[in-house]
Amino acid sequence: MNTINSEITARIQSTSPRSAWSRGVKLYALELLEGLESDYTPAALLNGAENWRAFSYGGSALIYDADIAERLSSPSELKRRKGGDLPPNACETWLDCQTRALNGAVRLIAKFSR
């Protein structure tokens, strides 16, 4: 990891998210930066994927519903969703939810890269 990415990582690590969703987004951001071999750019983060949906559905992030649910849900929500066996809501799958979280992670990285 280069110096610029290390600085961004340190800034993100210093945050204290309050919700399970925010903690999950922070973790995605840190993982994206960890896998980055060059300076931060949105295209470099995608690692060849066309967009974040393709990144998520292509297996470049978590692939199991239970893992995604555990990362992005509070304990009570995780229980209501039966550990990821039930979809997060009526309109999305867990991979769609992960796609939203990845978009949030990129915004978080962009915020701290200024």
N, C-alpha and C. Protein backbone atom coordinates (compact mmCIF):
# COMPACT_ATOMS: atom_id res chain seq x y z
N MET A 1 0.86 -1.18 0.00
CA MET A 1 0.00 0.00 0.00
C MET A 1 0.90 1.24 0.00
N ASN A 2 0.56 2.21 -0.85
CA ASN A 2 1.40 3.40 -0.92
C ASN A 2 1.03 4.42 0.16
N THR A 3 1.78 5.50 0.22
CA THR A 3 1.62 6.49 1.29
C THR A 3 0.26 7.16 1.26
N ILE A 4 -0.21 7.54 0.08
CA ILE A 4 -1.52 8.20 -0.03
C ILE A 4 -2.62 7.29 0.48
N ASN A 5 -2.61 6.04 0.04
CA ASN A 5 -3.63 5.10 0.48
C ASN A 5 -3.51 4.81 1.98
N SER A 6 -2.30 4.82 2.49
CA SER A 6 -2.09 4.61 3.93
C SER A 6 -2.70 5.75 4.73
N GLU A 7 -2.55 6.97 4.22
CA GLU A 7 -3.14 8.13 4.90
C GLU A 7 -4.66 8.05 4.91
N ILE A 8 -5.23 7.69 3.77
CA ILE A 8 -6.69 7.55 3.68
C ILE A 8 -7.16 6.45 4.63
N THR A 9 -6.46 5.33 4.65
CA THR A 9 -6.80 4.22 5.54
C THR A 9 -6.77 4.66 6.99
N ALA A 10 -5.72 5.40 7.37
CA ALA A 10 -5.60 5.87 8.76
C ALA A 10 -6.76 6.80 9.12
N ARG A 11 -7.14 7.66 8.20
CA ARG A 11 -8.26 8.57 8.46
C ARG A 11 -9.57 7.80 8.64
N ILE A 12 -9.78 6.81 7.79
CA ILE A 12 -11.02 6.02 7.89
C ILE A 12 -11.02 5.21 9.18
N GLN A 13 -9.88 4.62 9.53
CA GLN A 13 -9.79 3.84 10.76
C GLN A 13 -10.06 4.68 12.01
N SER A 14 -9.78 5.96 11.92
CA SER A 14 -9.98 6.82 13.09
C SER A 14 -11.44 7.19 13.32
N THR A 15 -12.32 6.86 12.38
CA THR A 15 -13.74 7.17 12.56
C THR A 15 -14.38 6.17 13.50
N SER A 16 -15.48 6.57 14.12
CA SER A 16 -16.24 5.70 15.02
C SER A 16 -17.69 5.63 14.59
N PRO A 17 -18.00 4.77 13.63
CA PRO A 17 -19.38 4.67 13.17
C PRO A 17 -20.30 4.14 14.27
N ARG A 18 -21.54 4.60 14.27
CA ARG A 18 -22.46 4.21 15.33
C ARG A 18 -23.37 3.05 14.94
N SER A 19 -23.73 2.95 13.67
CA SER A 19 -24.68 1.91 13.27
C SER A 19 -23.96 0.72 12.66
N ALA A 20 -24.65 -0.40 12.62
CA ALA A 20 -24.09 -1.61 12.01
C ALA A 20 -23.81 -1.35 10.53
N TRP A 21 -24.73 -0.63 9.88
CA TRP A 21 -24.55 -0.31 8.47
C TRP A 21 -23.27 0.50 8.27
N SER A 22 -23.08 1.53 9.06
CA SER A 22 -21.90 2.39 8.93
C SER A 22 -20.61 1.62 9.23
N ARG A 23 -20.66 0.73 10.21
CA ARG A 23 -19.48 -0.10 10.50
C ARG A 23 -19.17 -1.01 9.31
N GLY A 24 -20.21 -1.56 8.68
CA GLY A 24 -20.02 -2.40 7.50
C GLY A 24 -19.44 -1.63 6.33
N VAL A 25 -19.95 -0.42 6.10
CA VAL A 25 -19.44 0.42 5.02
C VAL A 25 -17.97 0.75 5.28
N LYS A 26 -17.63 1.06 6.51
CA LYS A 26 -16.24 1.35 6.87
C LYS A 26 -15.35 0.14 6.57
N LEU A 27 -15.82 -1.05 6.93
CA LEU A 27 -15.04 -2.26 6.68
C LEU A 27 -14.84 -2.50 5.18
N TYR A 28 -15.90 -2.29 4.39
CA TYR A 28 -15.76 -2.41 2.93
C TYR A 28 -14.72 -1.41 2.42
N ALA A 29 -14.77 -0.18 2.90
CA ALA A 29 -13.82 0.85 2.46
C ALA A 29 -12.38 0.42 2.76
N LEU A 30 -12.16 -0.08 3.96
CA LEU A 30 -10.81 -0.52 4.34
C LEU A 30 -10.36 -1.70 3.49
N GLU A 31 -11.27 -2.62 3.20
CA GLU A 31 -10.91 -3.77 2.35
C GLU A 31 -10.59 -3.33 0.93
N LEU A 32 -11.35 -2.37 0.41
CA LEU A 32 -11.09 -1.88 -0.94
C LEU A 32 -9.71 -1.23 -1.01
N LEU A 33 -9.38 -0.43 -0.01
CA LEU A 33 -8.07 0.22 0.00
C LEU A 33 -6.94 -0.78 0.18
N GLU A 34 -7.18 -1.81 0.98
CA GLU A 34 -6.17 -2.84 1.22
C GLU A 34 -5.80 -3.56 -0.07
N GLY A 35 -6.77 -3.79 -0.92
CA GLY A 35 -6.52 -4.51 -2.17
C GLY A 35 -6.01 -3.64 -3.29
N LEU A 36 -5.86 -2.36 -3.04
CA LEU A 36 -5.44 -1.41 -4.07
C LEU A 36 -3.93 -1.37 -4.18
N GLU A 37 -3.43 -1.56 -5.38
CA GLU A 37 -1.98 -1.57 -5.59
C GLU A 37 -1.44 -0.25 -6.10
N SER A 38 -2.33 0.62 -6.58
CA SER A 38 -1.90 1.93 -7.07
C SER A 38 -2.60 3.01 -6.26
N ASP A 39 -2.41 4.27 -6.67
CA ASP A 39 -3.11 5.36 -6.00
C ASP A 39 -4.61 5.18 -6.15
N TYR A 40 -5.33 5.74 -5.19
CA TYR A 40 -6.78 5.65 -5.19
C TYR A 40 -7.38 6.36 -6.39
N THR A 41 -8.19 5.65 -7.14
CA THR A 41 -9.12 6.22 -8.13
C THR A 41 -10.34 5.32 -8.09
N PRO A 42 -11.52 5.87 -8.38
CA PRO A 42 -12.71 5.02 -8.38
C PRO A 42 -12.57 3.82 -9.34
N ALA A 43 -11.95 4.04 -10.49
CA ALA A 43 -11.78 2.95 -11.46
C ALA A 43 -10.85 1.86 -10.91
N ALA A 44 -9.80 2.27 -10.20
CA ALA A 44 -8.87 1.29 -9.63
C ALA A 44 -9.56 0.44 -8.57
N LEU A 45 -10.47 1.06 -7.81
CA LEU A 45 -11.19 0.31 -6.77
C LEU A 45 -12.08 -0.76 -7.38
N LEU A 46 -12.63 -0.49 -8.56
CA LEU A 46 -13.52 -1.46 -9.21
C LEU A 46 -12.80 -2.72 -9.65
N ASN A 47 -11.49 -2.65 -9.76
CA ASN A 47 -10.69 -3.83 -10.08
C ASN A 47 -11.18 -4.54 -11.34
N GLY A 48 -11.50 -3.75 -12.37
CA GLY A 48 -11.92 -4.33 -13.65
C GLY A 48 -13.41 -4.52 -13.82
N ALA A 49 -14.17 -4.40 -12.76
CA ALA A 49 -15.63 -4.55 -12.87
C ALA A 49 -16.22 -3.30 -13.52
N GLU A 50 -17.35 -3.46 -14.19
CA GLU A 50 -18.01 -2.35 -14.88
C GLU A 50 -18.60 -1.34 -13.89
N ASN A 51 -19.17 -1.85 -12.81
CA ASN A 51 -19.78 -0.99 -11.79
C ASN A 51 -19.83 -1.78 -10.48
N TRP A 52 -20.39 -1.17 -9.43
CA TRP A 52 -20.39 -1.82 -8.12
C TRP A 52 -21.34 -3.01 -8.07
N ARG A 53 -22.37 -2.98 -8.88
CA ARG A 53 -23.28 -4.13 -8.95
C ARG A 53 -22.53 -5.33 -9.54
N ALA A 54 -21.79 -5.09 -10.61
CA ALA A 54 -20.99 -6.16 -11.22
C ALA A 54 -19.91 -6.64 -10.26
N PHE A 55 -19.31 -5.73 -9.53
CA PHE A 55 -18.30 -6.06 -8.53
C PHE A 55 -18.90 -6.99 -7.48
N SER A 56 -20.07 -6.62 -6.98
CA SER A 56 -20.73 -7.40 -5.93
C SER A 56 -21.20 -8.76 -6.45
N TYR A 57 -21.92 -8.74 -7.57
CA TYR A 57 -22.46 -9.98 -8.12
C TYR A 57 -21.38 -10.87 -8.74
N GLY A 58 -20.24 -10.28 -9.08
CA GLY A 58 -19.15 -11.04 -9.68
C GLY A 58 -18.26 -11.74 -8.67
N GLY A 59 -18.55 -11.61 -7.40
CA GLY A 59 -17.80 -12.32 -6.38
C GLY A 59 -16.54 -11.61 -5.92
N SER A 60 -16.43 -10.31 -6.21
CA SER A 60 -15.24 -9.58 -5.79
C SER A 60 -15.34 -9.10 -4.34
N ALA A 61 -16.48 -9.27 -3.73
CA ALA A 61 -16.68 -8.93 -2.32
C ALA A 61 -17.26 -10.18 -1.65
N LEU A 62 -18.03 -10.01 -0.60
CA LEU A 62 -18.64 -11.17 0.06
C LEU A 62 -19.64 -11.83 -0.89
N ILE A 63 -19.78 -13.14 -0.80
CA ILE A 63 -20.68 -13.83 -1.73
C ILE A 63 -21.86 -14.51 -1.04
N TYR A 64 -21.76 -14.77 0.24
CA TYR A 64 -22.84 -15.46 0.94
C TYR A 64 -23.77 -14.47 1.64
N ASP A 65 -25.06 -14.70 1.50
CA ASP A 65 -26.06 -13.83 2.12
C ASP A 65 -25.82 -13.67 3.61
N ALA A 66 -25.51 -14.76 4.28
CA ALA A 66 -25.31 -14.72 5.73
C ALA A 66 -24.13 -13.81 6.09
N ASP A 67 -23.07 -13.86 5.31
CA ASP A 67 -21.90 -13.01 5.58
C ASP A 67 -22.22 -11.53 5.37
N ILE A 68 -22.95 -11.25 4.30
CA ILE A 68 -23.34 -9.86 4.02
C ILE A 68 -24.28 -9.36 5.10
N ALA A 69 -25.25 -10.17 5.46
CA ALA A 69 -26.22 -9.79 6.49
C ALA A 69 -25.51 -9.52 7.81
N GLU A 70 -24.57 -10.36 8.17
CA GLU A 70 -23.84 -10.19 9.43
C GLU A 70 -23.04 -8.89 9.43
N ARG A 71 -22.46 -8.54 8.28
CA ARG A 71 -21.65 -7.33 8.20
C ARG A 71 -22.51 -6.06 8.27
N LEU A 72 -23.69 -6.08 7.67
CA LEU A 72 -24.45 -4.84 7.50
C LEU A 72 -25.65 -4.70 8.42
N SER A 73 -25.93 -5.69 9.25
CA SER A 73 -27.13 -5.67 10.08
C SER A 73 -26.82 -5.61 11.56
N SER A 74 -27.74 -5.00 12.28
CA SER A 74 -27.65 -5.02 13.74
C SER A 74 -28.04 -6.42 14.21
N PRO A 75 -27.73 -6.78 15.44
CA PRO A 75 -28.11 -8.11 15.93
C PRO A 75 -29.61 -8.37 15.85
N SER A 76 -30.43 -7.37 16.15
CA SER A 76 -31.88 -7.57 16.09
C SER A 76 -32.37 -7.75 14.66
N GLU A 77 -31.79 -6.97 13.73
CA GLU A 77 -32.17 -7.12 12.33
C GLU A 77 -31.70 -8.47 11.79
N LEU A 78 -30.53 -8.88 12.19
CA LEU A 78 -29.99 -10.17 11.77
C LEU A 78 -30.91 -11.30 12.24
N LYS A 79 -31.42 -11.17 13.44
CA LYS A 79 -32.34 -12.17 13.97
C LYS A 79 -33.65 -12.16 13.17
N ARG A 80 -34.18 -10.96 12.87
CA ARG A 80 -35.42 -10.86 12.08
C ARG A 80 -35.24 -11.44 10.69
N ARG A 81 -34.07 -11.30 10.13
CA ARG A 81 -33.78 -11.80 8.78
C ARG A 81 -33.23 -13.23 8.80
N LYS A 82 -33.34 -13.86 9.96
CA LYS A 82 -32.91 -15.26 10.15
C LYS A 82 -31.48 -15.48 9.63
N GLY A 83 -30.60 -14.58 10.05
CA GLY A 83 -29.18 -14.72 9.71
C GLY A 83 -28.87 -14.55 8.24
N GLY A 84 -29.78 -13.94 7.49
CA GLY A 84 -29.56 -13.74 6.06
C GLY A 84 -30.38 -14.67 5.20
N ASP A 85 -31.14 -15.59 5.82
CA ASP A 85 -31.99 -16.49 5.04
C ASP A 85 -33.15 -15.73 4.39
N LEU A 86 -33.61 -14.66 5.04
CA LEU A 86 -34.65 -13.82 4.47
C LEU A 86 -34.01 -12.60 3.83
N PRO A 87 -34.59 -12.07 2.75
CA PRO A 87 -34.01 -10.89 2.11
C PRO A 87 -34.04 -9.67 3.04
N PRO A 88 -33.19 -8.69 2.79
CA PRO A 88 -33.11 -7.52 3.66
C PRO A 88 -34.39 -6.68 3.64
N ASN A 89 -35.05 -6.65 2.50
CA ASN A 89 -36.33 -5.94 2.36
C ASN A 89 -37.05 -6.48 1.14
N ALA A 90 -38.21 -5.94 0.85
CA ALA A 90 -39.03 -6.47 -0.24
C ALA A 90 -38.47 -6.17 -1.63
N CYS A 91 -37.55 -5.22 -1.72
CA CYS A 91 -37.07 -4.77 -3.03
C CYS A 91 -35.64 -5.20 -3.36
N GLU A 92 -34.93 -5.78 -2.41
CA GLU A 92 -33.51 -6.06 -2.62
C GLU A 92 -33.13 -7.47 -2.17
N THR A 93 -32.02 -7.92 -2.76
CA THR A 93 -31.34 -9.11 -2.26
C THR A 93 -30.18 -8.63 -1.39
N TRP A 94 -29.51 -9.55 -0.73
CA TRP A 94 -28.35 -9.16 0.07
C TRP A 94 -27.22 -8.64 -0.82
N LEU A 95 -27.11 -9.17 -2.04
CA LEU A 95 -26.08 -8.67 -2.95
C LEU A 95 -26.38 -7.23 -3.38
N ASP A 96 -27.68 -6.89 -3.54
CA ASP A 96 -28.06 -5.50 -3.83
C ASP A 96 -27.68 -4.60 -2.65
N CYS A 97 -27.94 -5.09 -1.46
CA CYS A 97 -27.60 -4.35 -0.24
C CYS A 97 -26.09 -4.12 -0.19
N GLN A 98 -25.33 -5.13 -0.51
CA GLN A 98 -23.88 -5.01 -0.53
C GLN A 98 -23.45 -3.98 -1.57
N THR A 99 -24.13 -3.95 -2.71
CA THR A 99 -23.82 -2.97 -3.75
C THR A 99 -24.00 -1.55 -3.21
N ARG A 100 -25.09 -1.31 -2.48
CA ARG A 100 -25.31 0.00 -1.87
C ARG A 100 -24.21 0.33 -0.86
N ALA A 101 -23.82 -0.66 -0.08
CA ALA A 101 -22.76 -0.46 0.91
C ALA A 101 -21.42 -0.15 0.22
N LEU A 102 -21.13 -0.82 -0.87
CA LEU A 102 -19.90 -0.56 -1.61
C LEU A 102 -19.89 0.86 -2.17
N ASN A 103 -21.05 1.31 -2.66
CA ASN A 103 -21.16 2.70 -3.12
C ASN A 103 -20.87 3.66 -1.97
N GLY A 104 -21.39 3.35 -0.80
CA GLY A 104 -21.12 4.16 0.38
C GLY A 104 -19.65 4.13 0.76
N ALA A 105 -19.02 2.98 0.59
CA ALA A 105 -17.60 2.85 0.91
C ALA A 105 -16.76 3.74 0.00
N VAL A 106 -17.12 3.79 -1.27
CA VAL A 106 -16.39 4.63 -2.21
C VAL A 106 -16.57 6.10 -1.86
N ARG A 107 -17.78 6.48 -1.46
CA ARG A 107 -18.00 7.87 -1.03
C ARG A 107 -17.18 8.19 0.22
N LEU A 108 -17.07 7.23 1.13
CA LEU A 108 -16.27 7.42 2.34
C LEU A 108 -14.80 7.60 1.99
N ILE A 109 -14.30 6.78 1.09
CA ILE A 109 -12.91 6.90 0.65
C ILE A 109 -12.68 8.25 -0.01
N ALA A 110 -13.61 8.65 -0.88
CA ALA A 110 -13.48 9.94 -1.57
C ALA A 110 -13.47 11.10 -0.57
N LYS A 111 -14.30 10.99 0.45
CA LYS A 111 -14.38 12.04 1.48
C LYS A 111 -13.04 12.22 2.19
N PHE A 112 -12.36 11.12 2.48
CA PHE A 112 -11.11 11.20 3.23
C PHE A 112 -9.88 11.33 2.32
N SER A 113 -10.08 11.30 1.01
CA SER A 113 -8.94 11.44 0.11
C SER A 113 -8.68 12.89 -0.27
N ARG A 114 -9.54 13.79 0.16
CA ARG A 114 -9.37 15.21 -0.19
C ARG A 114 -8.29 15.85 0.63
